[in-house]
């Protein structure tokens, strides 16, 4: 099955090949967003399912809201998926064409126009381009120690859609869909086809969270959780709010950077009205990713009163210098975002060309400490399978637990 046809047949919950099928059905839908009428979180789960959502419907059930929601989905529909188109648009040098992978299944090129617009024309070394451009070295450079599951997601899966790695926290894989395919993604080989495909299929996950009173925080992840429709996100958050021992939700997303107009007034309402204390974690690796559109999206998000944090990955050819990391922290703070984590590269198959030695990372963190206030220096961490926490990589080479 070729890349184009995969979009026509894929389910919205299955991972990268979903976007066109989901948005084709979205564009043809006629009904209003079922969650347009606000409701109290004290409503029962059964009333929620009866009045607002068909629980047996696929998770990509189309629903229309205000024009702003249609617009953000149109941006994703127009995303670039062909490396030759990207190379032409950016006027890349002809001598680099042979290094590009034009057959990068099952993880093909995907990049939105807003992100592409921030890349420098003619520069094969542009740090934003490097994050998304499939290169032949992904297939040719596969050293030992790199795997399809570098952080132990498989052993942490306790229920369909639920990863439970750390005490007090659980993570929901809401979708496999993203608006970009980062070449270093640690879940680029994740079996999203095994995750819930309808609201009803999420009930076992909700029941798992309800049974375990030790869980106080739920992370919404994927894929990117903001790729699902507002009504589905609203349903999930309200189901979580009905679990008494849950206190917090954390939403990990890159959409405010990739599609700034995903941050609609409707979305702000949905995220603001839950009783759960919320935190949003963005993913920005380079200061050039932040433009006026991103600043505007963050400004809207800050109105919710949620902390807005950022995590980055240390990547060769992208942010592998103290100067770039310092500039990134400064740019984040200017936009109202607090630096949170700097991750050592997860050793996922296909990403070895991004590797930076930890000794370099430690040195640059020390330089950041000299140049920036303490709150602007992210924690340099690595994630290892089976460990009870992330490992803090300290300046002297020793590591502590987080």
Protein backbone atom coordinates (compact mmCIF):
# COMPACT_ATOMS: atom_id res chain seq x y z
CA UNK A 1 0.00 0.00 0.00
CA UNK A 2 1.53 3.32 -0.98
CA UNK A 3 1.80 6.33 1.27
CA UNK A 4 -1.12 8.16 -0.29
CA UNK A 5 -3.53 5.26 -0.10
CA UNK A 6 -2.65 4.62 3.53
CA UNK A 7 -4.26 7.90 4.46
CA UNK A 8 -7.49 6.89 2.79
CA UNK A 9 -7.89 3.69 4.83
CA UNK A 10 -6.35 4.42 8.20
CA UNK A 11 -8.17 4.96 11.50
CA UNK A 12 -7.70 8.19 13.46
CA UNK A 13 -6.34 6.33 16.48
CA UNK A 14 -3.75 4.24 14.71
CA UNK A 15 -0.75 6.51 14.37
CA UNK A 16 0.89 8.43 11.57
CA UNK A 17 -1.27 7.32 8.62
CA UNK A 18 -4.47 8.88 9.90
CA UNK A 19 -4.57 12.48 8.97
CA UNK A 20 -6.21 12.57 5.57
CA UNK A 21 -8.89 9.99 6.34
CA UNK A 22 -9.74 11.75 9.56
CA UNK A 23 -9.84 15.16 7.95
CA UNK A 24 -11.73 13.99 4.87
CA UNK A 25 -14.53 12.79 7.15
CA UNK A 26 -14.21 15.96 9.21
CA UNK A 27 -14.59 18.19 6.17
CA UNK A 28 -17.72 16.38 5.05
CA UNK A 29 -19.40 16.38 8.46
CA UNK A 30 -22.53 18.45 9.01
CA UNK A 31 -23.28 18.10 12.74
CA UNK A 32 -22.16 20.64 15.36
CA UNK A 33 -19.65 19.80 18.05
CA UNK A 34 -21.43 17.64 20.59
CA UNK A 35 -19.59 19.24 23.46
CA UNK A 36 -20.65 22.78 22.58
CA UNK A 37 -23.00 22.83 25.57
CA UNK A 38 -20.95 23.18 28.71
CA UNK A 39 -21.65 20.78 31.52
CA UNK A 40 -20.60 20.42 35.11
CA UNK A 41 -17.98 17.84 35.94
CA UNK A 42 -20.38 16.48 38.55
CA UNK A 43 -22.55 14.94 35.83
CA UNK A 44 -22.42 11.19 35.84
CA UNK A 45 -20.31 9.22 33.40
CA UNK A 46 -23.44 7.56 32.00
CA UNK A 47 -25.12 10.90 31.37
CA UNK A 48 -21.97 12.07 29.69
CA UNK A 49 -22.00 9.15 27.29
CA UNK A 50 -25.75 9.32 26.67
CA UNK A 51 -26.06 13.04 26.02
CA UNK A 52 -22.78 14.05 24.48
CA UNK A 53 -20.95 11.23 22.78
CA UNK A 54 -21.71 7.91 21.13
CA UNK A 55 -19.31 5.66 23.04
CA UNK A 56 -19.12 3.06 20.27
CA UNK A 57 -18.16 5.59 17.63
CA UNK A 58 -14.59 5.51 16.31
CA UNK A 59 -12.30 7.93 18.11
CA UNK A 60 -12.10 10.05 14.97
CA UNK A 61 -15.86 10.69 14.78
CA UNK A 62 -16.06 14.01 12.90
CA UNK A 63 -17.48 17.02 14.66
CA UNK A 64 -17.55 20.65 13.61
CA UNK A 65 -17.09 23.62 15.88
CA UNK A 66 -16.25 27.23 15.14
CA UNK A 67 -14.33 28.14 11.97
CA UNK A 68 -11.09 28.26 13.98
CA UNK A 69 -11.25 24.50 14.52
CA UNK A 70 -11.77 23.88 10.82
CA UNK A 71 -8.77 26.09 10.06
CA UNK A 72 -6.30 24.17 12.21
CA UNK A 73 -7.32 20.90 10.62
CA UNK A 74 -6.85 22.43 7.19
CA UNK A 75 -3.28 23.30 8.14
CA UNK A 76 -2.61 19.64 8.87
CA UNK A 77 -4.28 18.54 5.65
CA UNK A 78 -1.88 20.78 3.74
CA UNK A 79 1.21 19.44 5.52
CA UNK A 80 4.13 18.46 3.30
CA UNK A 81 4.61 14.70 3.00
CA UNK A 82 6.88 14.37 -0.04
CA UNK A 83 10.67 14.88 0.44
CA UNK A 84 11.04 16.06 -3.16
CA UNK A 85 8.44 18.78 -2.56
CA UNK A 86 10.24 19.84 0.61
CA UNK A 87 13.60 19.90 -1.17
CA UNK A 88 12.13 21.99 -3.99
CA UNK A 89 10.36 24.40 -1.66
CA UNK A 90 13.56 25.04 0.28
CA UNK A 91 15.79 25.06 -2.82
CA UNK A 92 18.14 22.51 -1.31
CA UNK A 93 21.48 21.97 -3.08
CA UNK A 94 21.36 19.25 -5.71
CA UNK A 95 24.38 17.46 -4.25
CA UNK A 96 22.38 16.70 -1.09
CA UNK A 97 19.45 15.05 -2.84
CA UNK A 98 21.19 11.66 -2.90
CA UNK A 99 21.42 11.70 0.92
CA UNK A 100 17.67 12.09 1.39
CA UNK A 101 15.50 9.03 1.91
CA UNK A 102 12.52 9.06 -0.45
CA UNK A 103 11.12 5.78 0.81
CA UNK A 104 10.97 6.26 4.57
CA UNK A 105 8.03 3.96 5.30
CA UNK A 106 6.56 3.30 7.81
CA UNK A 107 7.59 6.70 9.23
CA UNK A 108 7.43 9.12 6.29
CA UNK A 109 8.07 12.82 6.10
CA UNK A 110 5.38 14.99 7.69
CA UNK A 111 5.80 18.70 8.42
CA UNK A 112 3.29 21.54 8.63
CA UNK A 113 3.52 24.79 6.71
CA UNK A 114 3.99 26.98 9.83
CA UNK A 115 7.03 24.93 10.88
CA UNK A 116 8.38 24.79 7.33
CA UNK A 117 8.07 28.58 7.00
CA UNK A 118 10.66 29.04 9.75
CA UNK A 119 13.33 27.07 7.86
CA UNK A 120 16.09 28.86 5.95
CA UNK A 121 15.96 28.43 2.18
CA UNK A 122 18.94 26.62 0.67
CA UNK A 123 20.38 25.51 4.02
CA UNK A 124 20.58 21.74 4.31
CA UNK A 125 21.91 22.24 7.84
CA UNK A 126 18.93 24.26 9.03
CA UNK A 127 18.19 23.00 12.57
CA UNK A 128 14.44 22.79 11.95
CA UNK A 129 14.87 20.97 8.65
CA UNK A 130 17.21 18.46 10.25
CA UNK A 131 14.51 17.45 12.72
CA UNK A 132 12.08 16.37 9.97
CA UNK A 133 14.02 15.46 6.83
CA UNK A 134 14.31 11.66 6.33
CA UNK A 135 17.94 10.81 5.61
CA UNK A 136 19.42 7.58 4.29
CA UNK A 137 21.65 7.40 7.35
CA UNK A 138 18.53 6.48 9.35
CA UNK A 139 18.62 3.11 7.62
CA UNK A 140 22.39 2.77 7.23
CA UNK A 141 23.56 3.86 10.70
CA UNK A 142 22.10 1.38 13.20
CA UNK A 143 24.65 0.76 15.96
CA UNK A 144 24.12 -1.71 18.78
CA UNK A 145 22.12 -0.44 21.74
CA UNK A 146 19.43 1.17 19.60
CA UNK A 147 16.00 -0.44 19.65
CA UNK A 148 12.36 -0.04 18.67
CA UNK A 149 11.34 0.51 22.31
CA UNK A 150 14.17 2.51 23.88
CA UNK A 151 12.29 3.68 27.01
CA UNK A 152 10.47 0.47 27.91
CA UNK A 153 6.93 1.42 26.92
CA UNK A 154 6.06 -2.23 26.31
CA UNK A 155 6.88 -3.39 29.83
CA UNK A 156 5.06 -0.38 31.27
CA UNK A 157 1.77 -1.04 29.51
CA UNK A 158 -0.83 -2.12 32.07
CA UNK A 159 -4.00 -1.71 30.02
CA UNK A 160 -4.89 -0.77 26.47
CA UNK A 161 -3.92 2.88 26.15
CA UNK A 162 -2.28 3.10 29.60
CA UNK A 163 1.43 3.22 30.50
CA UNK A 164 2.24 3.14 34.21
CA UNK A 165 5.96 3.69 34.70
CA UNK A 166 6.27 5.91 37.75
CA UNK A 167 4.65 5.98 41.15
CA UNK A 168 1.64 8.30 41.35
CA UNK A 169 1.50 8.96 37.61
CA UNK A 170 0.01 7.18 34.61
CA UNK A 171 0.10 8.07 30.92
CA UNK A 172 -2.66 7.74 28.34
CA UNK A 173 -1.80 7.18 24.66
CA UNK A 174 -4.76 9.13 23.27
CA UNK A 175 -3.73 8.84 19.63
CA UNK A 176 -0.82 7.92 17.43
CA UNK A 177 -1.35 10.99 15.27
CA UNK A 178 1.07 13.90 15.16
CA UNK A 179 1.35 17.00 13.00
CA UNK A 180 5.05 16.32 12.42
CA UNK A 181 7.31 13.30 12.24
CA UNK A 182 10.39 14.12 14.26
CA UNK A 183 13.12 11.81 13.03
CA UNK A 184 14.39 11.17 16.59
CA UNK A 185 10.93 10.27 17.99
CA UNK A 186 11.25 7.55 20.62
CA UNK A 187 7.80 6.24 19.68
CA UNK A 188 8.36 6.09 15.93
CA UNK A 189 7.97 2.29 16.12
CA UNK A 190 5.20 2.22 18.73
CA UNK A 191 2.29 -0.19 17.96
CA UNK A 192 -0.48 2.40 17.99
CA UNK A 193 -2.80 -0.04 16.26
CA UNK A 194 -3.18 -1.82 19.62
CA UNK A 195 -4.62 1.22 21.40
CA UNK A 196 -8.32 2.13 21.91
CA UNK A 197 -10.13 3.15 18.75
CA UNK A 198 -13.43 4.36 20.25
CA UNK A 199 -14.65 6.07 23.38
CA UNK A 200 -16.17 2.83 24.63
CA UNK A 201 -12.81 1.13 24.20
CA UNK A 202 -11.34 3.63 26.67
CA UNK A 203 -13.50 2.34 29.52
CA UNK A 204 -10.99 -0.32 30.69
CA UNK A 205 -8.30 2.38 30.88
CA UNK A 206 -10.60 4.66 32.88
CA UNK A 207 -11.46 1.75 35.18
CA UNK A 208 -7.77 1.01 35.73
CA UNK A 209 -7.19 4.59 36.84
CA UNK A 210 -10.28 4.45 39.04
CA UNK A 211 -9.09 1.30 40.82
CA UNK A 212 -5.59 2.55 41.63
CA UNK A 213 -5.91 5.20 44.31
CA UNK A 214 -2.13 5.75 44.30
CA UNK A 215 -2.40 7.59 40.97
CA UNK A 216 -2.85 11.33 41.44
CA UNK A 217 -1.70 12.63 38.05
CA UNK A 218 -2.53 11.54 34.49
CA UNK A 219 -0.40 12.50 31.50
CA UNK A 220 -2.16 12.93 28.16
CA UNK A 221 0.21 11.89 25.41
CA UNK A 222 0.44 10.03 22.13
CA UNK A 223 1.19 10.86 19.38
CA UNK A 224 -0.07 14.31 20.20
CA UNK A 225 -3.24 14.54 22.33
CA UNK A 226 -4.29 17.79 20.67
CA UNK A 227 -4.69 15.91 17.40
CA UNK A 228 -7.98 14.46 18.63
CA UNK A 229 -11.16 16.51 18.29
CA UNK A 230 -12.30 18.83 21.04
CA UNK A 231 -15.32 16.73 21.94
CA UNK A 232 -13.20 13.61 22.43
CA UNK A 233 -10.65 15.50 24.51
CA UNK A 234 -13.47 17.00 26.56
CA UNK A 235 -14.91 13.52 27.16
CA UNK A 236 -11.56 12.12 28.32
CA UNK A 237 -10.87 15.03 30.67
CA UNK A 238 -14.34 14.86 32.18
CA UNK A 239 -14.06 11.11 32.70
CA UNK A 240 -10.79 11.72 34.54
CA UNK A 241 -12.31 14.50 36.63
CA UNK A 242 -14.91 12.06 37.95
CA UNK A 243 -12.19 9.93 39.57
CA UNK A 244 -11.93 11.33 43.12
CA UNK A 245 -8.25 10.56 43.82
CA UNK A 246 -6.98 12.22 40.63
CA UNK A 247 -5.65 15.70 41.31
CA UNK A 248 -3.71 16.75 38.23
CA UNK A 249 -3.50 16.32 34.47
CA UNK A 250 -0.48 17.05 32.32
CA UNK A 251 -0.83 17.51 28.57
CA UNK A 252 2.24 16.97 26.38
CA UNK A 253 1.91 18.58 22.96
CA UNK A 254 3.82 20.10 20.08
CA UNK A 255 0.81 21.51 18.26
CA UNK A 256 1.14 25.10 19.56
CA UNK A 257 4.47 25.15 17.69
CA UNK A 258 3.39 23.24 14.59
CA UNK A 259 -0.16 24.59 14.21
CA UNK A 260 -0.54 27.64 16.45
CA UNK A 261 -4.21 28.12 15.57
CA UNK A 262 -4.97 24.76 17.16
CA UNK A 263 -5.20 26.84 20.35
CA UNK A 264 -8.81 27.91 19.85
CA UNK A 265 -11.18 29.59 22.24
CA UNK A 266 -13.14 26.34 22.38
CA UNK A 267 -10.04 24.43 23.46
CA UNK A 268 -9.24 26.99 26.15
CA UNK A 269 -12.76 26.58 27.57
CA UNK A 270 -12.44 22.78 27.66
CA UNK A 271 -9.07 22.85 29.40
CA UNK A 272 -10.03 25.60 31.82
CA UNK A 273 -13.21 24.17 33.27
CA UNK A 274 -11.90 20.92 34.74
CA UNK A 275 -11.44 20.66 38.51
CA UNK A 276 -8.06 18.98 37.88
CA UNK A 277 -4.98 21.15 38.15
CA UNK A 278 -3.41 21.31 34.71
CA UNK A 279 0.10 21.63 33.34
CA UNK A 280 1.05 21.81 29.67
CA UNK A 281 4.44 20.63 28.44
CA UNK A 282 5.57 21.85 25.02
CA UNK A 283 8.38 20.40 22.91
CA UNK A 284 10.72 22.99 21.40
CA UNK A 285 14.32 22.17 20.51
CA UNK A 286 15.61 25.35 18.89
CA UNK A 287 14.90 29.08 19.34
CA UNK A 288 13.99 29.43 15.65
CA UNK A 289 10.87 27.34 16.30
CA UNK A 290 9.32 30.25 18.19
CA UNK A 291 7.75 32.99 16.08
CA UNK A 292 4.86 35.41 16.60
CA UNK A 293 2.29 32.71 15.91
CA UNK A 294 3.75 30.50 18.61
CA UNK A 295 3.95 33.42 21.02
CA UNK A 296 0.29 34.18 20.37
CA UNK A 297 -0.70 30.55 21.04
CA UNK A 298 1.24 30.51 24.30
CA UNK A 299 -0.34 33.81 25.34
CA UNK A 300 -3.78 32.22 24.97
CA UNK A 301 -2.70 29.16 26.94
CA UNK A 302 -1.36 31.28 29.79
CA UNK A 303 -4.85 32.68 30.30
CA UNK A 304 -5.87 29.28 31.68
CA UNK A 305 -3.55 29.69 34.63
CA UNK A 306 -1.73 26.45 33.79
CA UNK A 307 2.07 26.33 34.07
CA UNK A 308 3.52 26.08 30.55
CA UNK A 309 6.77 24.11 30.52
CA UNK A 310 9.13 23.00 27.77
CA UNK A 311 11.14 19.88 27.18
CA UNK A 312 13.85 19.56 24.54
CA UNK A 313 15.99 16.74 23.21
CA UNK A 314 19.74 17.24 22.83
CA UNK A 315 20.31 16.67 19.11
CA UNK A 316 23.46 16.77 17.01
CA UNK A 317 23.11 19.40 14.31
CA UNK A 318 20.12 21.01 16.00
CA UNK A 319 20.97 22.40 19.44
CA UNK A 320 24.39 20.93 20.22
CA UNK A 321 26.07 24.01 21.66
CA UNK A 322 25.85 26.04 24.84
CA UNK A 323 25.06 29.18 22.83
CA UNK A 324 22.03 27.57 21.16
CA UNK A 325 20.72 26.12 24.43
CA UNK A 326 21.13 29.45 26.20
CA UNK A 327 19.35 31.25 23.36
CA UNK A 328 16.55 28.67 23.52
CA UNK A 329 16.01 29.24 27.25
CA UNK A 330 15.98 33.00 26.77
CA UNK A 331 13.48 32.71 23.93
CA UNK A 332 11.25 30.40 25.94
CA UNK A 333 11.20 32.79 28.89
CA UNK A 334 10.36 35.71 26.58
CA UNK A 335 7.35 33.72 25.37
CA UNK A 336 6.22 32.83 28.90
CA UNK A 337 7.43 29.21 28.88
CA UNK A 338 9.62 27.72 31.61
CA UNK A 339 12.48 25.37 30.58
CA UNK A 340 11.84 21.97 32.19
CA UNK A 341 13.81 19.06 30.73
CA UNK A 342 16.72 18.62 28.34
CA UNK A 343 16.58 14.95 27.37
CA UNK A 344 19.52 12.85 26.36
CA UNK A 345 18.59 11.20 23.05
CA UNK A 346 16.54 8.05 23.51
CA UNK A 347 18.35 5.30 21.53
CA UNK A 348 15.57 4.52 19.07
CA UNK A 349 16.33 2.77 15.79
CA UNK A 350 16.81 5.34 13.05
CA UNK A 351 18.05 8.21 15.23
CA UNK A 352 21.72 7.38 15.92
CA UNK A 353 22.89 10.29 13.75
CA UNK A 354 21.44 12.69 16.34
CA UNK A 355 23.57 11.33 19.21
CA UNK A 356 25.50 13.78 21.38
CA UNK A 357 27.84 12.45 24.12
CA UNK A 358 26.66 13.08 27.67
CA UNK A 359 30.00 14.68 28.48
CA UNK A 360 29.17 17.46 26.01
CA UNK A 361 25.70 17.88 27.46
CA UNK A 362 27.05 18.15 30.99
CA UNK A 363 29.57 20.79 29.92
CA UNK A 364 26.91 22.88 28.19
CA UNK A 365 24.60 22.68 31.21
CA UNK A 366 27.42 24.09 33.35
CA UNK A 367 27.83 26.95 30.88
CA UNK A 368 24.08 27.57 31.03
CA UNK A 369 24.24 27.80 34.83
CA UNK A 370 26.77 30.61 34.52
CA UNK A 371 24.82 32.50 31.85
CA UNK A 372 21.24 32.10 33.10
CA UNK A 373 19.20 32.31 36.30
CA UNK A 374 18.60 28.94 37.90
CA UNK A 375 14.97 28.70 36.82
CA UNK A 376 16.05 29.03 33.17
CA UNK A 377 18.35 25.98 33.23
CA UNK A 378 16.50 22.76 32.33
CA UNK A 379 17.23 19.49 34.09
CA UNK A 380 19.44 17.32 31.92
CA UNK A 381 17.95 13.81 32.11
CA UNK A 382 17.94 10.37 30.57
CA UNK A 383 15.14 7.82 30.60
CA UNK A 384 16.02 4.15 31.03
CA UNK A 385 13.67 1.16 30.77
CA UNK A 386 12.50 -0.27 34.07
CA UNK A 387 13.82 2.56 36.23
CA UNK A 388 11.50 4.13 38.86
CA UNK A 389 12.24 7.65 37.61
CA UNK A 390 14.18 9.63 35.07
CA UNK A 391 17.88 9.98 35.83
CA UNK A 392 19.30 13.44 36.40
CA UNK A 393 22.63 13.81 34.57
CA UNK A 394 24.73 16.11 36.74
CA UNK A 395 27.71 18.25 35.88
CA UNK A 396 30.29 15.97 37.53
CA UNK A 397 29.09 12.92 35.64
CA UNK A 398 27.23 11.41 38.54
CA UNK A 399 23.52 10.85 38.22
CA UNK A 400 20.65 11.17 40.65
CA UNK A 401 17.03 10.11 40.50
CA UNK A 402 14.10 12.40 39.75
